[in-house]
N, C-alpha and C. Protein backbone atom coordinates (compact mmCIF):
# COMPACT_ATOMS: atom_id res chain seq x y z
N MET A 1 25.67 -7.90 10.37
CA MET A 1 24.45 -8.74 10.95
C MET A 1 23.74 -9.38 10.12
N LYS A 2 22.66 -10.65 10.14
CA LYS A 2 22.56 -11.75 9.28
C LYS A 2 21.14 -11.61 9.27
N ILE A 3 20.25 -11.55 8.69
CA ILE A 3 18.88 -11.27 8.03
C ILE A 3 17.82 -11.64 8.97
N GLY A 4 17.80 -12.99 9.56
CA GLY A 4 17.25 -13.01 10.90
C GLY A 4 17.23 -11.67 12.46
N LEU A 5 18.17 -11.63 11.93
CA LEU A 5 18.33 -10.54 13.19
C LEU A 5 17.80 -8.87 12.80
N SER A 6 18.53 -8.89 11.61
CA SER A 6 18.04 -7.62 11.23
C SER A 6 16.45 -7.57 10.65
N LEU A 7 16.44 -8.52 9.97
CA LEU A 7 13.96 -8.57 9.76
C LEU A 7 13.10 -8.76 11.58
N GLN A 8 13.69 -9.40 12.46
CA GLN A 8 14.12 -9.65 14.26
C GLN A 8 14.13 -8.53 14.76
N ALA A 9 14.84 -6.66 13.73
CA ALA A 9 14.45 -5.77 14.65
C ALA A 9 13.78 -4.82 14.12
N LEU A 10 13.24 -5.13 12.54
CA LEU A 10 11.72 -4.98 12.69
C LEU A 10 10.50 -5.21 13.28
N ALA A 11 10.45 -6.70 13.74
CA ALA A 11 9.01 -7.37 14.69
C ALA A 11 9.97 -6.76 16.07
N GLU A 12 11.16 -5.91 16.44
CA GLU A 12 10.86 -5.55 18.00
C GLU A 12 10.41 -4.16 17.90
N LEU A 13 10.23 -3.22 16.39
CA LEU A 13 9.90 -2.02 17.15
C LEU A 13 8.76 -1.95 17.78
N ASP A 14 7.87 -3.38 17.50
CA ASP A 14 6.49 -3.46 18.19
C ASP A 14 5.69 -1.61 17.21
N VAL A 15 5.77 -2.05 16.38
CA VAL A 15 4.88 -1.12 15.37
C VAL A 15 3.97 -1.91 14.52
N LEU A 16 3.11 -1.36 14.34
CA LEU A 16 2.07 -2.48 13.32
C LEU A 16 2.05 -1.83 11.64
N TRP A 17 2.60 -0.42 11.63
CA TRP A 17 2.01 0.82 10.30
C TRP A 17 3.47 1.04 10.40
N ALA A 18 3.71 1.25 8.52
CA ALA A 18 4.94 1.75 8.30
C ALA A 18 4.39 2.29 6.97
N VAL A 19 5.42 2.42 5.90
CA VAL A 19 5.36 3.63 5.22
C VAL A 19 5.85 2.87 3.63
N LEU A 20 4.84 1.92 2.75
CA LEU A 20 5.21 1.56 1.56
C LEU A 20 5.39 2.25 0.79
N GLY A 21 7.03 2.19 0.52
CA GLY A 21 7.26 3.03 -1.07
C GLY A 21 6.96 2.10 -2.48
N VAL A 22 6.13 2.29 -3.62
CA VAL A 22 6.84 1.55 -4.84
C VAL A 22 6.60 2.68 -6.05
N GLY A 23 7.26 2.85 -6.79
CA GLY A 23 7.06 3.92 -7.47
C GLY A 23 7.45 4.53 -7.17
N GLY A 24 6.56 5.97 -7.81
CA GLY A 24 6.55 7.16 -6.88
C GLY A 24 5.52 7.56 -6.23
N TYR A 25 5.03 6.34 -5.18
CA TYR A 25 3.89 6.08 -4.07
C TYR A 25 4.59 6.12 -3.38
N ALA A 26 3.93 6.22 -1.64
CA ALA A 26 3.74 5.89 -0.61
C ALA A 26 2.58 5.93 -0.26
N LEU A 27 2.41 4.95 0.70
CA LEU A 27 0.62 5.11 1.73
C LEU A 27 1.35 4.11 2.90
N PRO A 28 0.65 4.32 3.80
CA PRO A 28 0.80 3.49 4.90
C PRO A 28 -0.22 2.39 5.33
N VAL A 29 1.23 1.11 5.35
CA VAL A 29 -0.16 0.16 5.19
C VAL A 29 0.74 -0.80 6.73
N ARG A 30 -0.67 -1.44 7.02
CA ARG A 30 -0.21 -2.95 7.88
C ARG A 30 1.14 -3.35 8.10
N PHE A 31 1.65 -4.14 8.82
CA PHE A 31 2.39 -5.29 8.61
C PHE A 31 3.54 -6.12 9.55
N ARG A 32 3.59 -7.11 8.65
CA ARG A 32 3.59 -8.07 10.15
C ARG A 32 4.97 -8.71 9.32
N VAL A 33 6.10 -9.22 10.41
CA VAL A 33 7.51 -10.04 9.58
C VAL A 33 7.15 -11.15 9.39
N GLU A 34 7.90 -12.15 8.13
CA GLU A 34 7.17 -13.39 8.07
C GLU A 34 8.89 -13.70 7.88
N SER A 35 9.79 -14.57 8.64
CA SER A 35 11.10 -15.37 8.22
C SER A 35 11.52 -14.00 7.78
N ARG A 36 12.39 -14.78 6.65
CA ARG A 36 12.58 -13.56 5.60
C ARG A 36 12.60 -12.21 4.89
N ALA A 37 11.08 -12.27 4.77
CA ALA A 37 10.26 -11.07 4.36
C ALA A 37 9.74 -10.37 5.42
N VAL A 38 8.69 -9.73 4.60
CA VAL A 38 7.53 -9.00 5.23
C VAL A 38 6.09 -8.56 3.68
N ALA A 39 5.64 -8.52 4.98
CA ALA A 39 4.24 -9.74 4.98
C ALA A 39 3.28 -7.69 5.03
N CYS A 40 2.82 -6.84 3.50
CA CYS A 40 2.18 -5.74 3.80
C CYS A 40 1.03 -5.83 3.31
N ARG A 41 -0.14 -5.02 3.92
CA ARG A 41 -1.95 -4.97 3.68
C ARG A 41 -1.80 -3.15 3.24
N VAL A 42 -1.99 -4.16 1.75
CA VAL A 42 -2.01 -2.81 0.68
C VAL A 42 -3.46 -2.21 -0.21
N PRO A 43 -3.93 -1.20 0.54
CA PRO A 43 -5.43 -1.10 -0.58
C PRO A 43 -6.07 -1.35 -2.02
N SER A 44 -6.90 -2.25 -1.66
CA SER A 44 -6.72 -2.11 -3.32
C SER A 44 -7.13 -0.91 -4.49
N TRP A 45 -7.10 -0.11 -4.23
CA TRP A 45 -7.36 1.51 -4.87
C TRP A 45 -6.30 1.30 -5.21
N SER A 46 -4.66 1.12 -4.20
CA SER A 46 -3.64 1.69 -4.51
C SER A 46 -3.37 1.47 -5.85
N GLY A 47 -3.23 0.21 -6.36
CA GLY A 47 -2.73 0.24 -7.56
C GLY A 47 -1.18 -0.44 -7.61
N VAL A 48 -1.12 -1.20 -6.84
CA VAL A 48 0.47 -1.32 -5.84
C VAL A 48 0.52 -2.51 -7.16
N ALA A 49 -0.29 -3.36 -6.67
CA ALA A 49 0.03 -4.20 -7.60
C ALA A 49 -0.29 -4.57 -9.24
N ASP A 50 -0.34 -2.70 -10.09
CA ASP A 50 -0.42 -2.58 -10.87
C ASP A 50 1.51 -1.92 -11.08
N LEU A 51 1.66 -1.43 -10.49
CA LEU A 51 2.96 -0.99 -10.21
C LEU A 51 3.89 -2.46 -10.10
N LEU A 52 3.66 -3.13 -9.12
CA LEU A 52 4.39 -4.43 -9.43
C LEU A 52 4.68 -4.96 -10.47
N GLU A 53 3.74 -5.16 -11.43
CA GLU A 53 3.74 -5.93 -12.66
C GLU A 53 5.20 -5.64 -13.35
N GLN A 54 6.10 -3.91 -13.28
CA GLN A 54 6.49 -3.40 -13.93
C GLN A 54 8.46 -4.54 -14.21
N ALA A 55 9.09 -4.65 -14.73
CA ALA A 55 10.39 -4.97 -14.38
C ALA A 55 10.85 -5.24 -13.35
N GLU A 56 10.93 -4.10 -12.60
CA GLU A 56 12.16 -3.50 -11.63
C GLU A 56 10.62 -3.78 -10.73
N ALA A 57 10.49 -4.62 -10.00
CA ALA A 57 9.61 -4.48 -8.46
C ALA A 57 10.56 -4.05 -7.17
N GLU A 58 10.92 -3.14 -7.66
CA GLU A 58 11.74 -2.25 -6.07
C GLU A 58 10.60 -2.06 -5.26
N ALA A 59 9.99 -1.98 -3.97
CA ALA A 59 10.12 -1.13 -3.11
C ALA A 59 10.90 -1.08 -1.66
N THR A 60 10.82 -0.78 -1.04
CA THR A 60 11.02 0.17 0.39
C THR A 60 9.48 0.44 1.50
N LEU A 61 10.05 0.03 2.69
CA LEU A 61 9.33 0.41 3.84
C LEU A 61 10.23 0.93 4.90
N VAL A 62 9.70 1.59 5.80
CA VAL A 62 10.01 2.61 6.31
C VAL A 62 8.71 2.94 7.55
N ALA A 63 9.80 2.62 8.79
CA ALA A 63 8.81 2.13 9.91
C ALA A 63 9.62 2.87 11.49
N ALA A 64 9.04 3.56 12.50
CA ALA A 64 9.81 4.44 13.59
C ALA A 64 9.10 4.69 14.37
N VAL A 65 9.54 4.82 15.30
CA VAL A 65 9.32 4.69 16.68
C VAL A 65 9.82 5.45 17.67
N GLU A 66 9.10 5.85 18.49
CA GLU A 66 9.81 7.06 19.53
C GLU A 66 10.45 5.85 20.42
N SER A 67 11.40 6.88 20.74
CA SER A 67 11.98 6.48 22.51
C SER A 67 12.58 6.67 23.25
N GLY A 68 10.93 7.21 24.00
CA GLY A 68 11.85 9.11 24.33
C GLY A 68 11.70 10.00 24.01
N PRO A 69 12.52 10.92 23.84
CA PRO A 69 13.14 11.69 23.16
C PRO A 69 13.30 11.62 21.43
N PHE A 70 13.50 10.20 22.02
CA PHE A 70 14.58 10.03 20.25
C PHE A 70 13.57 8.91 19.23
N LEU A 71 13.80 9.36 18.17
CA LEU A 71 13.38 8.30 17.13
C LEU A 71 14.43 6.80 17.10
N ARG A 72 13.70 5.90 16.58
CA ARG A 72 14.92 4.97 15.83
C ARG A 72 13.81 4.45 14.22
N TRP A 73 14.58 4.75 13.21
CA TRP A 73 13.88 4.50 11.92
C TRP A 73 14.28 2.95 11.55
N LEU A 74 13.91 2.30 10.68
CA LEU A 74 14.20 1.57 9.86
C LEU A 74 13.32 1.54 8.69
N TYR A 75 14.86 1.47 7.96
CA TYR A 75 14.74 1.18 6.25
C TYR A 75 14.50 0.33 5.71
N VAL A 76 13.60 -0.63 4.72
CA VAL A 76 14.18 -1.77 4.03
C VAL A 76 13.69 -2.14 2.18
N ARG A 77 14.10 -2.22 1.83
CA ARG A 77 14.27 -1.78 0.27
C ARG A 77 14.72 -2.86 0.55
N GLY A 78 13.59 -3.70 -1.26
CA GLY A 78 14.22 -5.41 -1.46
C GLY A 78 13.53 -5.54 -2.75
N ARG A 79 12.85 -6.57 -2.69
CA ARG A 79 11.74 -6.73 -4.13
C ARG A 79 10.47 -7.19 -3.64
N ALA A 80 9.81 -6.24 -4.20
CA ALA A 80 8.50 -6.89 -4.03
C ALA A 80 7.46 -7.47 -4.86
N SER A 81 6.83 -8.36 -4.23
CA SER A 81 5.49 -9.31 -5.34
C SER A 81 4.33 -9.18 -3.98
N ARG A 82 3.39 -9.82 -5.92
CA ARG A 82 1.62 -10.15 -5.02
C ARG A 82 1.61 -10.70 -5.16
N VAL A 83 0.87 -11.15 -3.60
CA VAL A 83 0.90 -12.23 -3.15
C VAL A 83 -0.21 -12.97 -3.34
N SER A 84 -0.84 -13.87 -4.46
CA SER A 84 -1.98 -14.85 -5.01
C SER A 84 -2.74 -14.88 -3.78
N GLN A 85 -2.18 -15.75 -2.78
CA GLN A 85 -3.13 -16.82 -1.83
C GLN A 85 -2.55 -15.88 -0.29
N PRO A 86 -2.77 -14.73 -0.42
CA PRO A 86 -2.31 -14.50 1.16
C PRO A 86 -3.34 -14.86 2.10
N ASN A 87 -2.28 -15.08 3.93
CA ASN A 87 -2.77 -15.31 4.87
C ASN A 87 -2.79 -13.86 5.64
N TRP A 88 -4.38 -13.64 6.02
CA TRP A 88 -4.35 -11.86 6.62
C TRP A 88 -3.99 -12.38 7.77
N GLY A 89 -3.82 -13.92 8.74
CA GLY A 89 -4.07 -13.51 10.31
C GLY A 89 -3.09 -12.43 10.18
N GLY A 90 -3.61 -11.41 11.35
CA GLY A 90 -2.96 -10.48 12.16
C GLY A 90 -3.05 -9.38 11.24
N LEU A 91 -3.40 -9.30 9.84
CA LEU A 91 -3.53 -8.26 9.44
C LEU A 91 -5.12 -8.03 9.30
N ALA A 92 -5.74 -8.68 9.26
CA ALA A 92 -7.30 -8.39 8.95
C ALA A 92 -7.73 -6.85 10.02
N LEU A 93 -8.62 -6.60 9.42
CA LEU A 93 -9.04 -5.70 10.11
C LEU A 93 -10.47 -6.32 11.27
N PRO A 94 -10.08 -5.98 12.50
CA PRO A 94 -10.90 -6.51 13.65
C PRO A 94 -12.12 -5.47 13.60
N GLY A 95 -13.08 -6.36 13.45
CA GLY A 95 -14.15 -5.60 13.14
C GLY A 95 -15.67 -6.09 12.02
N CYS A 96 -13.92 -6.24 11.56
CA CYS A 96 -15.08 -6.64 9.82
C CYS A 96 -14.85 -7.94 9.44
N GLU A 97 -14.92 -8.52 10.26
CA GLU A 97 -15.51 -9.80 10.53
C GLU A 97 -16.10 -10.53 9.36
N ARG A 98 -17.50 -9.81 8.89
CA ARG A 98 -18.29 -10.10 7.48
C ARG A 98 -17.68 -9.59 6.26
N ILE A 99 -16.56 -8.96 5.90
CA ILE A 99 -15.82 -8.24 5.08
C ILE A 99 -14.64 -9.74 4.64
N SER A 100 -14.97 -10.48 3.45
CA SER A 100 -13.46 -10.67 3.21
C SER A 100 -12.28 -9.83 2.78
N PRO A 101 -10.82 -9.96 3.86
CA PRO A 101 -10.14 -8.63 3.23
C PRO A 101 -9.49 -8.60 1.99
N ASP A 102 -10.09 -10.69 1.79
CA ASP A 102 -9.04 -10.04 0.21
C ASP A 102 -10.88 -9.13 -1.02
N ASP A 103 -11.32 -8.60 -0.29
CA ASP A 103 -11.90 -7.71 -1.68
C ASP A 103 -11.92 -6.24 -1.17
N LEU A 104 -11.08 -5.66 -0.25
CA LEU A 104 -10.44 -4.68 0.35
C LEU A 104 -9.10 -4.40 0.22
N TYR A 105 -8.05 -5.47 0.29
CA TYR A 105 -7.21 -5.83 0.44
C TYR A 105 -5.97 -6.48 -0.49
N GLN A 106 -5.07 -6.44 -1.30
CA GLN A 106 -3.60 -7.15 -1.41
C GLN A 106 -3.26 -7.29 -0.14
N MET A 107 -1.93 -8.93 -0.85
CA MET A 107 -1.34 -8.37 0.13
C MET A 107 0.27 -8.80 -0.82
N VAL A 108 1.10 -7.74 -0.11
CA VAL A 108 3.29 -7.78 -1.08
C VAL A 108 3.55 -7.91 -0.39
N ARG A 109 5.09 -8.69 -0.50
CA ARG A 109 5.62 -9.65 0.15
C ARG A 109 6.71 -8.60 -0.26
N LEU A 110 7.49 -8.31 0.06
CA LEU A 110 8.60 -7.90 -0.02
C LEU A 110 10.07 -8.08 0.87
N GLU A 111 10.88 -8.81 0.15
CA GLU A 111 12.30 -9.80 0.88
C GLU A 111 12.85 -8.47 0.51
N PRO A 112 13.75 -7.98 1.40
CA PRO A 112 15.00 -7.34 1.48
C PRO A 112 16.19 -8.09 0.91
N SER A 113 16.38 -6.54 0.48
CA SER A 113 18.19 -6.22 0.27
C SER A 113 18.49 -5.44 0.84
N ARG A 114 18.62 -4.78 1.67
CA ARG A 114 18.83 -4.02 2.45
C ARG A 114 18.43 -3.01 3.68
N LEU A 115 18.68 -3.49 4.53
CA LEU A 115 17.81 -2.43 5.25
C LEU A 115 19.45 -1.44 6.25
N GLU A 116 18.66 -0.47 6.61
CA GLU A 116 18.81 1.08 7.19
C GLU A 116 17.89 0.69 8.49
N LEU A 117 19.13 0.50 9.79
CA LEU A 117 18.61 1.08 11.10
C LEU A 117 19.25 2.59 11.93
N VAL A 118 18.46 3.42 11.65
CA VAL A 118 18.99 4.91 12.73
C VAL A 118 18.68 5.19 14.16
N ASP A 119 19.04 4.62 15.15
CA ASP A 119 18.79 5.43 16.12
C ASP A 119 19.16 6.29 16.34
N GLU A 120 17.94 7.35 16.73
CA GLU A 120 18.51 8.97 17.34
C GLU A 120 19.58 8.30 19.18
N GLU A 121 19.30 7.62 19.27
CA GLU A 121 19.63 8.13 21.17
C GLU A 121 20.92 7.77 21.04
N ARG A 122 21.93 6.84 19.94
CA ARG A 122 23.24 6.35 19.94
C ARG A 122 23.99 7.55 19.40
N GLY A 123 23.08 8.74 18.53
CA GLY A 123 23.26 10.25 18.56
C GLY A 123 23.11 10.19 16.41
N TRP A 124 23.25 11.33 15.90
CA TRP A 124 22.36 11.57 14.92
C TRP A 124 23.10 11.42 13.70
N GLY A 125 22.61 10.27 12.94
CA GLY A 125 24.46 10.13 11.33
C GLY A 125 24.33 8.88 12.00
N VAL A 126 24.13 8.29 12.85
CA VAL A 126 24.81 7.23 13.56
C VAL A 126 23.63 5.78 12.87
N ARG A 127 24.50 5.02 12.02
CA ARG A 127 22.94 3.98 11.89
C ARG A 127 24.01 3.50 10.85
N GLU A 128 23.06 1.52 11.40
CA GLU A 128 23.36 0.35 10.75
C GLU A 128 23.62 -0.40 9.64
N THR A 129 24.01 -0.44 8.61
CA THR A 129 23.58 -1.46 7.43
C THR A 129 24.08 -2.91 7.14
N CYS A 130 22.92 -3.31 6.19
CA CYS A 130 23.05 -4.72 6.57
C CYS A 130 22.36 -5.03 3.94
N ASP A 131 23.70 -5.73 3.69
CA ASP A 131 23.24 -5.70 2.56
C ASP A 131 23.53 -6.77 2.30
N TRP A 132 22.45 -7.89 1.49
CA TRP A 132 22.00 -9.59 0.83
C TRP A 132 21.83 -9.44 -0.30
């Protein structure tokens, strides 16, 4: 599986929310796929930026979608960093145009080193893995 195709699989899940794990913390985030990375909108109060300043800034992102009675999971693992000048296109909150997203959120960029796709429809325990 190639990087573009792998991240395309995340975009094709047709979900906007996932769970981001950094350090010992996990929180729901809104995300978008950007060519070779995933941009995640995280609340400023979460302290994720502080955790990312540590030497090992590794994070995970897990997205799931229902496909009939089955679930499809995509697990992304890689290096994460805070984006200093984020592009909020597609990640800003609707109806909050008077408030700058910079006042409420931070952008985290996740550059994958591993992707795992689990599709229950193809059988429990069957997964595809891509490392790079």
